[in-house]
Amino acid sequence: MRTILLSGLDDWVSLDELLSRTTSPQAAIALIRELLERDLMRAGKLGESGFEPREAPVEEIVTEIEQACVAFDWRPQGGSGWWFANTDQGT
């Protein structure tokens, strides 16, 4: 978790980067859930205004992220998918 939060100090963290730093799909989902539940990071996508956080309950966001990962067979999505931004608590 610390590595992801440190990476998020410089820039947004892609889902690809997060997946590359975990040992299994289950570990990745557990890490995402913990980051969001502890309000250390926000999940979202990149849009015209930059990072656009997803406004929904944590479990809904985690489910959407997991579905995206399954659709890509847990392979890198080339930065076109989900991104994570540190919150004030995550800095």
PDB file of N, CA and C in Angstrom:
ATOM      1  N   MET A   1       0.824  -1.189   0.000  1.00  0.00           N
ATOM      2  CA  MET A   1       0.000   0.000   0.000  1.00  0.00           C
ATOM      3  C   MET A   1       0.872   1.258   0.000  1.00  0.00           C
ATOM      4  N   ARG A   2       1.934   1.228   0.790  1.00  0.00           N
ATOM      5  CA  ARG A   2       2.803   2.401   0.905  1.00  0.00           C
ATOM      6  C   ARG A   2       3.374   2.812  -0.459  1.00  0.00           C
ATOM      7  N   THR A   3       3.783   1.832  -1.247  1.00  0.00           N
ATOM      8  CA  THR A   3       4.356   2.129  -2.562  1.00  0.00           C
ATOM      9  C   THR A   3       3.344   2.838  -3.457  1.00  0.00           C
ATOM     10  N   ILE A   4       2.109   2.382  -3.419  1.00  0.00           N
ATOM     11  CA  ILE A   4       1.053   3.004  -4.233  1.00  0.00           C
ATOM     12  C   ILE A   4       0.806   4.433  -3.767  1.00  0.00           C
ATOM     13  N   LEU A   5       0.723   4.635  -2.456  1.00  0.00           N
ATOM     14  CA  LEU A   5       0.490   5.984  -1.929  1.00  0.00           C
ATOM     15  C   LEU A   5       1.654   6.912  -2.260  1.00  0.00           C
ATOM     16  N   LEU A   6       2.881   6.400  -2.184  1.00  0.00           N
ATOM     17  CA  LEU A   6       4.040   7.224  -2.543  1.00  0.00           C
ATOM     18  C   LEU A   6       4.011   7.577  -4.025  1.00  0.00           C
ATOM     19  N   SER A   7       3.643   6.629  -4.856  1.00  0.00           N
ATOM     20  CA  SER A   7       3.529   6.894  -6.291  1.00  0.00           C
ATOM     21  C   SER A   7       2.468   7.952  -6.558  1.00  0.00           C
ATOM     22  N   GLY A   8       1.398   7.928  -5.770  1.00  0.00           N
ATOM     23  CA  GLY A   8       0.312   8.886  -5.931  1.00  0.00           C
ATOM     24  C   GLY A   8       0.654  10.301  -5.506  1.00  0.00           C
ATOM     25  N   LEU A   9       1.791  10.480  -4.843  1.00  0.00           N
ATOM     26  CA  LEU A   9       2.212  11.833  -4.475  1.00  0.00           C
ATOM     27  C   LEU A   9       2.650  12.627  -5.698  1.00  0.00           C
ATOM     28  N   ASP A  10       3.189  11.924  -6.701  1.00  0.00           N
ATOM     29  CA  ASP A  10       3.696  12.583  -7.907  1.00  0.00           C
ATOM     30  C   ASP A  10       2.644  12.743  -8.990  1.00  0.00           C
ATOM     31  N   ASP A  11       1.752  11.775  -9.085  1.00  0.00           N
ATOM     32  CA  ASP A  11       0.779  11.774 -10.180  1.00  0.00           C
ATOM     33  C   ASP A  11      -0.327  10.782  -9.833  1.00  0.00           C
ATOM     34  N   TRP A  12      -1.350  10.740 -10.648  1.00  0.00           N
ATOM     35  CA  TRP A  12      -2.397   9.749 -10.464  1.00  0.00           C
ATOM     36  C   TRP A  12      -1.806   8.369 -10.725  1.00  0.00           C
ATOM     37  N   VAL A  13      -2.372   7.368 -10.098  1.00  0.00           N
ATOM     38  CA  VAL A  13      -1.888   5.994 -10.226  1.00  0.00           C
ATOM     39  C   VAL A  13      -2.876   5.217 -11.094  1.00  0.00           C
ATOM     40  N   SER A  14      -2.371   4.595 -12.142  1.00  0.00           N
ATOM     41  CA  SER A  14      -3.253   3.823 -13.022  1.00  0.00           C
ATOM     42  C   SER A  14      -3.586   2.476 -12.390  1.00  0.00           C
ATOM     43  N   LEU A  15      -4.705   1.930 -12.799  1.00  0.00           N
ATOM     44  CA  LEU A  15      -5.061   0.588 -12.363  1.00  0.00           C
ATOM     45  C   LEU A  15      -3.978  -0.393 -12.801  1.00  0.00           C
ATOM     46  N   ASP A  16      -3.411  -0.187 -13.977  1.00  0.00           N
ATOM     47  CA  ASP A  16      -2.335  -1.055 -14.459  1.00  0.00           C
ATOM     48  C   ASP A  16      -1.177  -1.085 -13.467  1.00  0.00           C
ATOM     49  N   GLU A  17      -0.776   0.084 -12.964  1.00  0.00           N
ATOM     50  CA  GLU A  17       0.329   0.140 -12.005  1.00  0.00           C
ATOM     51  C   GLU A  17      -0.044  -0.585 -10.721  1.00  0.00           C
ATOM     52  N   LEU A  18      -1.252  -0.354 -10.251  1.00  0.00           N
ATOM     53  CA  LEU A  18      -1.692  -1.012  -9.023  1.00  0.00           C
ATOM     54  C   LEU A  18      -1.684  -2.533  -9.195  1.00  0.00           C
ATOM     55  N   LEU A  19      -2.189  -3.011 -10.322  1.00  0.00           N
ATOM     56  CA  LEU A  19      -2.208  -4.453 -10.568  1.00  0.00           C
ATOM     57  C   LEU A  19      -0.797  -5.023 -10.637  1.00  0.00           C
ATOM     58  N   SER A  20       0.134  -4.262 -11.209  1.00  0.00           N
ATOM     59  CA  SER A  20       1.508  -4.756 -11.339  1.00  0.00           C
ATOM     60  C   SER A  20       2.219  -4.850  -9.992  1.00  0.00           C
ATOM     61  N   ARG A  21       1.697  -4.176  -8.996  1.00  0.00           N
ATOM     62  CA  ARG A  21       2.340  -4.169  -7.676  1.00  0.00           C
ATOM     63  C   ARG A  21       1.655  -5.101  -6.673  1.00  0.00           C
ATOM     64  N   THR A  22       0.717  -5.905  -7.144  1.00  0.00           N
ATOM     65  CA  THR A  22       0.054  -6.868  -6.269  1.00  0.00           C
ATOM     66  C   THR A  22       0.319  -8.280  -6.778  1.00  0.00           C
ATOM     67  N   THR A  23       0.115  -9.250  -5.906  1.00  0.00           N
ATOM     68  CA  THR A  23       0.490 -10.625  -6.229  1.00  0.00           C
ATOM     69  C   THR A  23      -0.623 -11.458  -6.846  1.00  0.00           C
ATOM     70  N   SER A  24      -1.858 -10.972  -6.761  1.00  0.00           N
ATOM     71  CA  SER A  24      -2.980 -11.748  -7.292  1.00  0.00           C
ATOM     72  C   SER A  24      -4.175 -10.823  -7.497  1.00  0.00           C
ATOM     73  N   PRO A  25      -5.148 -11.257  -8.285  1.00  0.00           N
ATOM     74  CA  PRO A  25      -6.370 -10.456  -8.422  1.00  0.00           C
ATOM     75  C   PRO A  25      -7.046 -10.187  -7.076  1.00  0.00           C
ATOM     76  N   GLN A  26      -7.064 -11.190  -6.209  1.00  0.00           N
ATOM     77  CA  GLN A  26      -7.696 -11.015  -4.900  1.00  0.00           C
ATOM     78  C   GLN A  26      -6.963  -9.959  -4.076  1.00  0.00           C
ATOM     79  N   ALA A  27      -5.635  -9.972  -4.144  1.00  0.00           N
ATOM     80  CA  ALA A  27      -4.843  -8.977  -3.411  1.00  0.00           C
ATOM     81  C   ALA A  27      -5.089  -7.580  -3.967  1.00  0.00           C
ATOM     82  N   ALA A  28      -5.225  -7.477  -5.284  1.00  0.00           N
ATOM     83  CA  ALA A  28      -5.482  -6.174  -5.905  1.00  0.00           C
ATOM     84  C   ALA A  28      -6.826  -5.615  -5.452  1.00  0.00           C
ATOM     85  N   ILE A  29      -7.854  -6.434  -5.475  1.00  0.00           N
ATOM     86  CA  ILE A  29      -9.189  -5.973  -5.067  1.00  0.00           C
ATOM     87  C   ILE A  29      -9.202  -5.620  -3.583  1.00  0.00           C
ATOM     88  N   ALA A  30      -8.519  -6.413  -2.765  1.00  0.00           N
ATOM     89  CA  ALA A  30      -8.448  -6.112  -1.329  1.00  0.00           C
ATOM     90  C   ALA A  30      -7.743  -4.781  -1.095  1.00  0.00           C
ATOM     91  N   LEU A  31      -6.669  -4.522  -1.838  1.00  0.00           N
ATOM     92  CA  LEU A  31      -5.941  -3.266  -1.702  1.00  0.00           C
ATOM     93  C   LEU A  31      -6.806  -2.089  -2.144  1.00  0.00           C
ATOM     94  N   ILE A  32      -7.469  -2.217  -3.268  1.00  0.00           N
ATOM     95  CA  ILE A  32      -8.348  -1.149  -3.756  1.00  0.00           C
ATOM     96  C   ILE A  32      -9.433  -0.849  -2.728  1.00  0.00           C
ATOM     97  N   ARG A  33     -10.057  -1.895  -2.221  1.00  0.00           N
ATOM     98  CA  ARG A  33     -11.116  -1.715  -1.222  1.00  0.00           C
ATOM     99  C   ARG A  33     -10.575  -0.969   0.009  1.00  0.00           C
ATOM    100  N   GLU A  34      -9.409  -1.375   0.486  1.00  0.00           N
ATOM    101  CA  GLU A  34      -8.830  -0.729   1.672  1.00  0.00           C
ATOM    102  C   GLU A  34      -8.480   0.734   1.403  1.00  0.00           C
ATOM    103  N   LEU A  35      -7.879   1.019   0.259  1.00  0.00           N
ATOM    104  CA  LEU A  35      -7.532   2.405  -0.086  1.00  0.00           C
ATOM    105  C   LEU A  35      -8.774   3.291  -0.118  1.00  0.00           C
ATOM    106  N   LEU A  36      -9.857   2.772  -0.679  1.00  0.00           N
ATOM    107  CA  LEU A  36     -11.089   3.554  -0.786  1.00  0.00           C
ATOM    108  C   LEU A  36     -11.810   3.657   0.556  1.00  0.00           C
ATOM    109  N   GLU A  37     -11.910   2.548   1.279  1.00  0.00           N
ATOM    110  CA  GLU A  37     -12.615   2.569   2.568  1.00  0.00           C
ATOM    111  C   GLU A  37     -11.918   3.458   3.593  1.00  0.00           C
ATOM    112  N   ARG A  38     -10.596   3.479   3.559  1.00  0.00           N
ATOM    113  CA  ARG A  38      -9.837   4.314   4.500  1.00  0.00           C
ATOM    114  C   ARG A  38      -9.687   5.746   3.996  1.00  0.00           C
ATOM    115  N   ASP A  39     -10.302   6.037   2.851  1.00  0.00           N
ATOM    116  CA  ASP A  39     -10.268   7.367   2.245  1.00  0.00           C
ATOM    117  C   ASP A  39      -8.839   7.853   2.014  1.00  0.00           C
ATOM    118  N   LEU A  40      -7.981   6.930   1.564  1.00  0.00           N
ATOM    119  CA  LEU A  40      -6.601   7.273   1.244  1.00  0.00           C
ATOM    120  C   LEU A  40      -6.466   7.665  -0.221  1.00  0.00           C
ATOM    121  N   MET A  41      -7.329   7.091  -1.060  1.00  0.00           N
ATOM    122  CA  MET A  41      -7.345   7.408  -2.487  1.00  0.00           C
ATOM    123  C   MET A  41      -8.793   7.439  -2.955  1.00  0.00           C
ATOM    124  N   ARG A  42      -9.002   8.122  -4.087  1.00  0.00           N
ATOM    125  CA  ARG A  42     -10.294   8.126  -4.772  1.00  0.00           C
ATOM    126  C   ARG A  42     -10.083   7.448  -6.115  1.00  0.00           C
ATOM    127  N   ALA A  43     -11.070   6.715  -6.555  1.00  0.00           N
ATOM    128  CA  ALA A  43     -11.023   6.051  -7.853  1.00  0.00           C
ATOM    129  C   ALA A  43     -11.816   6.872  -8.853  1.00  0.00           C
ATOM    130  N   GLY A  44     -11.342   6.899 -10.087  1.00  0.00           N
ATOM    131  CA  GLY A  44     -12.051   7.631 -11.124  1.00  0.00           C
ATOM    132  C   GLY A  44     -11.463   7.344 -12.487  1.00  0.00           C
ATOM    133  N   LYS A  45     -11.825   8.189 -13.413  1.00  0.00           N
ATOM    134  CA  LYS A  45     -11.328   8.056 -14.784  1.00  0.00           C
ATOM    135  C   LYS A  45     -10.811   9.414 -15.238  1.00  0.00           C
ATOM    136  N   LEU A  46     -10.060   9.401 -16.314  1.00  0.00           N
ATOM    137  CA  LEU A  46      -9.548  10.650 -16.865  1.00  0.00           C
ATOM    138  C   LEU A  46     -10.540  11.184 -17.881  1.00  0.00           C
ATOM    139  N   GLY A  47     -10.850  12.459 -17.750  1.00  0.00           N
ATOM    140  CA  GLY A  47     -11.792  13.105 -18.652  1.00  0.00           C
ATOM    141  C   GLY A  47     -11.241  14.434 -19.109  1.00  0.00           C
ATOM    142  N   GLU A  48     -12.095  15.253 -19.667  1.00  0.00           N
ATOM    143  CA  GLU A  48     -11.676  16.553 -20.190  1.00  0.00           C
ATOM    144  C   GLU A  48     -11.085  17.450 -19.112  1.00  0.00           C
ATOM    145  N   SER A  49     -11.572  17.309 -17.887  1.00  0.00           N
ATOM    146  CA  SER A  49     -11.085  18.168 -16.805  1.00  0.00           C
ATOM    147  C   SER A  49      -9.946  17.530 -16.024  1.00  0.00           C
ATOM    148  N   GLY A  50      -9.439  16.395 -16.491  1.00  0.00           N
ATOM    149  CA  GLY A  50      -8.389  15.680 -15.773  1.00  0.00           C
ATOM    150  C   GLY A  50      -8.983  14.509 -15.024  1.00  0.00           C
ATOM    151  N   PHE A  51      -8.565  14.326 -13.778  1.00  0.00           N
ATOM    152  CA  PHE A  51      -9.078  13.222 -12.971  1.00  0.00           C
ATOM    153  C   PHE A  51     -10.504  13.525 -12.539  1.00  0.00           C
ATOM    154  N   GLU A  52     -11.409  12.609 -12.848  1.00  0.00           N
ATOM    155  CA  GLU A  52     -12.818  12.762 -12.481  1.00  0.00           C
ATOM    156  C   GLU A  52     -13.195  11.611 -11.556  1.00  0.00           C
ATOM    157  N   PRO A  53     -13.296  11.883 -10.238  1.00  0.00           N
ATOM    158  CA  PRO A  53     -13.591  10.807  -9.293  1.00  0.00           C
ATOM    159  C   PRO A  53     -14.981  10.225  -9.501  1.00  0.00           C
ATOM    160  N   ARG A  54     -15.091   8.942  -9.269  1.00  0.00           N
ATOM    161  CA  ARG A  54     -16.385   8.242  -9.355  1.00  0.00           C
ATOM    162  C   ARG A  54     -17.112   8.462  -8.037  1.00  0.00           C
ATOM    163  N   GLU A  55     -18.291   9.041  -8.118  1.00  0.00           N
ATOM    164  CA  GLU A  55     -19.108   9.313  -6.933  1.00  0.00           C
ATOM    165  C   GLU A  55     -20.108   8.180  -6.759  1.00  0.00           C
ATOM    166  N   ALA A  56     -19.781   7.232  -5.901  1.00  0.00           N
ATOM    167  CA  ALA A  56     -20.648   6.083  -5.627  1.00  0.00           C
ATOM    168  C   ALA A  56     -20.137   5.412  -4.357  1.00  0.00           C
ATOM    169  N   PRO A  57     -20.941   4.542  -3.763  1.00  0.00           N
ATOM    170  CA  PRO A  57     -20.466   3.792  -2.599  1.00  0.00           C
ATOM    171  C   PRO A  57     -19.237   2.944  -2.959  1.00  0.00           C
ATOM    172  N   VAL A  58     -18.383   2.725  -1.978  1.00  0.00           N
ATOM    173  CA  VAL A  58     -17.137   1.985  -2.202  1.00  0.00           C
ATOM    174  C   VAL A  58     -17.397   0.629  -2.843  1.00  0.00           C
ATOM    175  N   GLU A  59     -18.343  -0.127  -2.326  1.00  0.00           N
ATOM    176  CA  GLU A  59     -18.586  -1.470  -2.879  1.00  0.00           C
ATOM    177  C   GLU A  59     -18.997  -1.425  -4.346  1.00  0.00           C
ATOM    178  N   GLU A  60     -19.751  -0.410  -4.730  1.00  0.00           N
ATOM    179  CA  GLU A  60     -20.150  -0.268  -6.132  1.00  0.00           C
ATOM    180  C   GLU A  60     -18.926   0.012  -7.006  1.00  0.00           C
ATOM    181  N   ILE A  61     -18.056   0.884  -6.535  1.00  0.00           N
ATOM    182  CA  ILE A  61     -16.837   1.205  -7.286  1.00  0.00           C
ATOM    183  C   ILE A  61     -15.950  -0.028  -7.400  1.00  0.00           C
ATOM    184  N   VAL A  62     -15.755  -0.730  -6.295  1.00  0.00           N
ATOM    185  CA  VAL A  62     -14.914  -1.931  -6.306  1.00  0.00           C
ATOM    186  C   VAL A  62     -15.482  -2.960  -7.279  1.00  0.00           C
ATOM    187  N   THR A  63     -16.779  -3.135  -7.294  1.00  0.00           N
ATOM    188  CA  THR A  63     -17.416  -4.074  -8.222  1.00  0.00           C
ATOM    189  C   THR A  63     -17.171  -3.655  -9.670  1.00  0.00           C
ATOM    190  N   GLU A  64     -17.303  -2.372  -9.969  1.00  0.00           N
ATOM    191  CA  GLU A  64     -17.066  -1.881 -11.334  1.00  0.00           C
ATOM    192  C   GLU A  64     -15.614  -2.112 -11.748  1.00  0.00           C
ATOM    193  N   ILE A  65     -14.689  -1.858 -10.840  1.00  0.00           N
ATOM    194  CA  ILE A  65     -13.269  -2.058 -11.149  1.00  0.00           C
ATOM    195  C   ILE A  65     -12.989  -3.541 -11.379  1.00  0.00           C
ATOM    196  N   GLU A  66     -13.529  -4.382 -10.523  1.00  0.00           N
ATOM    197  CA  GLU A  66     -13.322  -5.824 -10.673  1.00  0.00           C
ATOM    198  C   GLU A  66     -13.903  -6.318 -11.997  1.00  0.00           C
ATOM    199  N   GLN A  67     -15.074  -5.836 -12.378  1.00  0.00           N
ATOM    200  CA  GLN A  67     -15.676  -6.231 -13.659  1.00  0.00           C
ATOM    201  C   GLN A  67     -14.797  -5.798 -14.832  1.00  0.00           C
ATOM    202  N   ALA A  68     -14.208  -4.610 -14.743  1.00  0.00           N
ATOM    203  CA  ALA A  68     -13.308  -4.142 -15.803  1.00  0.00           C
ATOM    204  C   ALA A  68     -12.076  -5.040 -15.886  1.00  0.00           C
ATOM    205  N   CYS A  69     -11.549  -5.428 -14.743  1.00  0.00           N
ATOM    206  CA  CYS A  69     -10.374  -6.305 -14.726  1.00  0.00           C
ATOM    207  C   CYS A  69     -10.695  -7.673 -15.316  1.00  0.00           C
ATOM    208  N   VAL A  70     -11.836  -8.210 -14.975  1.00  0.00           N
ATOM    209  CA  VAL A  70     -12.251  -9.510 -15.510  1.00  0.00           C
ATOM    210  C   VAL A  70     -12.425  -9.412 -17.027  1.00  0.00           C
ATOM    211  N   ALA A  71     -13.020  -8.325 -17.497  1.00  0.00           N
ATOM    212  CA  ALA A  71     -13.229  -8.141 -18.940  1.00  0.00           C
ATOM    213  C   ALA A  71     -11.909  -8.121 -19.702  1.00  0.00           C
ATOM    214  N   PHE A  72     -10.853  -7.641 -19.057  1.00  0.00           N
ATOM    215  CA  PHE A  72      -9.528  -7.598 -19.681  1.00  0.00           C
ATOM    216  C   PHE A  72      -8.670  -8.782 -19.237  1.00  0.00           C
ATOM    217  N   ASP A  73      -9.298  -9.778 -18.605  1.00  0.00           N
ATOM    218  CA  ASP A  73      -8.599 -10.964 -18.106  1.00  0.00           C
ATOM    219  C   ASP A  73      -7.412 -10.573 -17.222  1.00  0.00           C
ATOM    220  N   TRP A  74      -7.606  -9.494 -16.455  1.00  0.00           N
ATOM    221  CA  TRP A  74      -6.608  -8.983 -15.503  1.00  0.00           C
ATOM    222  C   TRP A  74      -5.318  -8.535 -16.189  1.00  0.00           C
ATOM    223  N   ARG A  75      -5.371  -8.258 -17.488  1.00  0.00           N
ATOM    224  CA  ARG A  75      -4.203  -7.744 -18.220  1.00  0.00           C
ATOM    225  C   ARG A  75      -4.228  -6.220 -18.191  1.00  0.00           C
ATOM    226  N   PRO A  76      -3.081  -5.582 -18.455  1.00  0.00           N
ATOM    227  CA  PRO A  76      -3.038  -4.112 -18.493  1.00  0.00           C
ATOM    228  C   PRO A  76      -4.048  -3.546 -19.484  1.00  0.00           C
ATOM    229  N   GLN A  77      -4.625  -2.409 -19.112  1.00  0.00           N
ATOM    230  CA  GLN A  77      -5.633  -1.760 -19.946  1.00  0.00           C
ATOM    231  C   GLN A  77      -5.064  -0.555 -20.689  1.00  0.00           C
ATOM    232  N   GLY A  78      -3.772  -0.360 -20.629  1.00  0.00           N
ATOM    233  CA  GLY A  78      -3.140   0.718 -21.372  1.00  0.00           C
ATOM    234  C   GLY A  78      -3.501   2.109 -20.901  1.00  0.00           C
ATOM    235  N   GLY A  79      -3.820   2.241 -19.629  1.00  0.00           N
ATOM    236  CA  GLY A  79      -4.111   3.562 -19.079  1.00  0.00           C
ATOM    237  C   GLY A  79      -5.479   4.109 -19.433  1.00  0.00           C
ATOM    238  N   SER A  80      -6.284   3.318 -20.126  1.00  0.00           N
ATOM    239  CA  SER A  80      -7.596   3.831 -20.541  1.00  0.00           C
ATOM    240  C   SER A  80      -8.693   3.526 -19.531  1.00  0.00           C
ATOM    241  N   GLY A  81      -8.337   2.827 -18.467  1.00  0.00           N
ATOM    242  CA  GLY A  81      -9.342   2.423 -17.491  1.00  0.00           C
ATOM    243  C   GLY A  81      -9.366   3.309 -16.258  1.00  0.00           C
ATOM    244  N   TRP A  82      -9.336   2.685 -15.131  1.00  0.00           N
ATOM    245  CA  TRP A  82      -9.452   3.363 -13.846  1.00  0.00           C
ATOM    246  C   TRP A  82      -8.132   3.972 -13.397  1.00  0.00           C
ATOM    247  N   TRP A  83      -8.261   5.061 -12.653  1.00  0.00           N
ATOM    248  CA  TRP A  83      -7.114   5.753 -12.074  1.00  0.00           C
ATOM    249  C   TRP A  83      -7.421   6.041 -10.610  1.00  0.00           C
ATOM    250  N   PHE A  84      -6.373   6.301  -9.841  1.00  0.00           N
ATOM    251  CA  PHE A  84      -6.515   6.566  -8.412  1.00  0.00           C
ATOM    252  C   PHE A  84      -5.738   7.823  -8.056  1.00  0.00           C
ATOM    253  N   ALA A  85      -6.361   8.663  -7.245  1.00  0.00           N
ATOM    254  CA  ALA A  85      -5.737   9.909  -6.791  1.00  0.00           C
ATOM    255  C   ALA A  85      -5.701   9.916  -5.268  1.00  0.00           C
ATOM    256  N   ASN A  86      -4.570  10.307  -4.722  1.00  0.00           N
ATOM    257  CA  ASN A  86      -4.452  10.419  -3.268  1.00  0.00           C
ATOM    258  C   ASN A  86      -5.430  11.466  -2.743  1.00  0.00           C
ATOM    259  N   THR A  87      -5.990  11.191  -1.592  1.00  0.00           N
ATOM    260  CA  THR A  87      -6.775  12.186  -0.868  1.00  0.00           C
ATOM    261  C   THR A  87      -5.821  12.905   0.087  1.00  0.00           C
ATOM    262  N   ASP A  88      -6.320  13.871   0.821  1.00  0.00           N
ATOM    263  CA  ASP A  88      -5.482  14.532   1.825  1.00  0.00           C
ATOM    264  C   ASP A  88      -4.974  13.525   2.850  1.00  0.00           C
ATOM    265  N   GLN A  89      -5.800  12.548   3.201  1.00  0.00           N
ATOM    266  CA  GLN A  89      -5.387  11.521   4.158  1.00  0.00           C
ATOM    267  C   GLN A  89      -4.329  10.596   3.584  1.00  0.00           C
ATOM    268  N   GLY A  90      -4.261  10.485   2.273  1.00  0.00           N
ATOM    269  CA  GLY A  90      -3.317   9.591   1.621  1.00  0.00           C
ATOM    270  C   GLY A  90      -1.996  10.242   1.260  1.00  0.00           C
ATOM    271  N   THR A  91      -1.825  11.491   1.667  1.00  0.00           N
ATOM    272  CA  THR A  91      -0.567  12.179   1.344  1.00  0.00           C
ATOM    273  C   THR A  91       0.367  12.216   2.520  1.00  0.00           C
TER     274      THR A  91
END
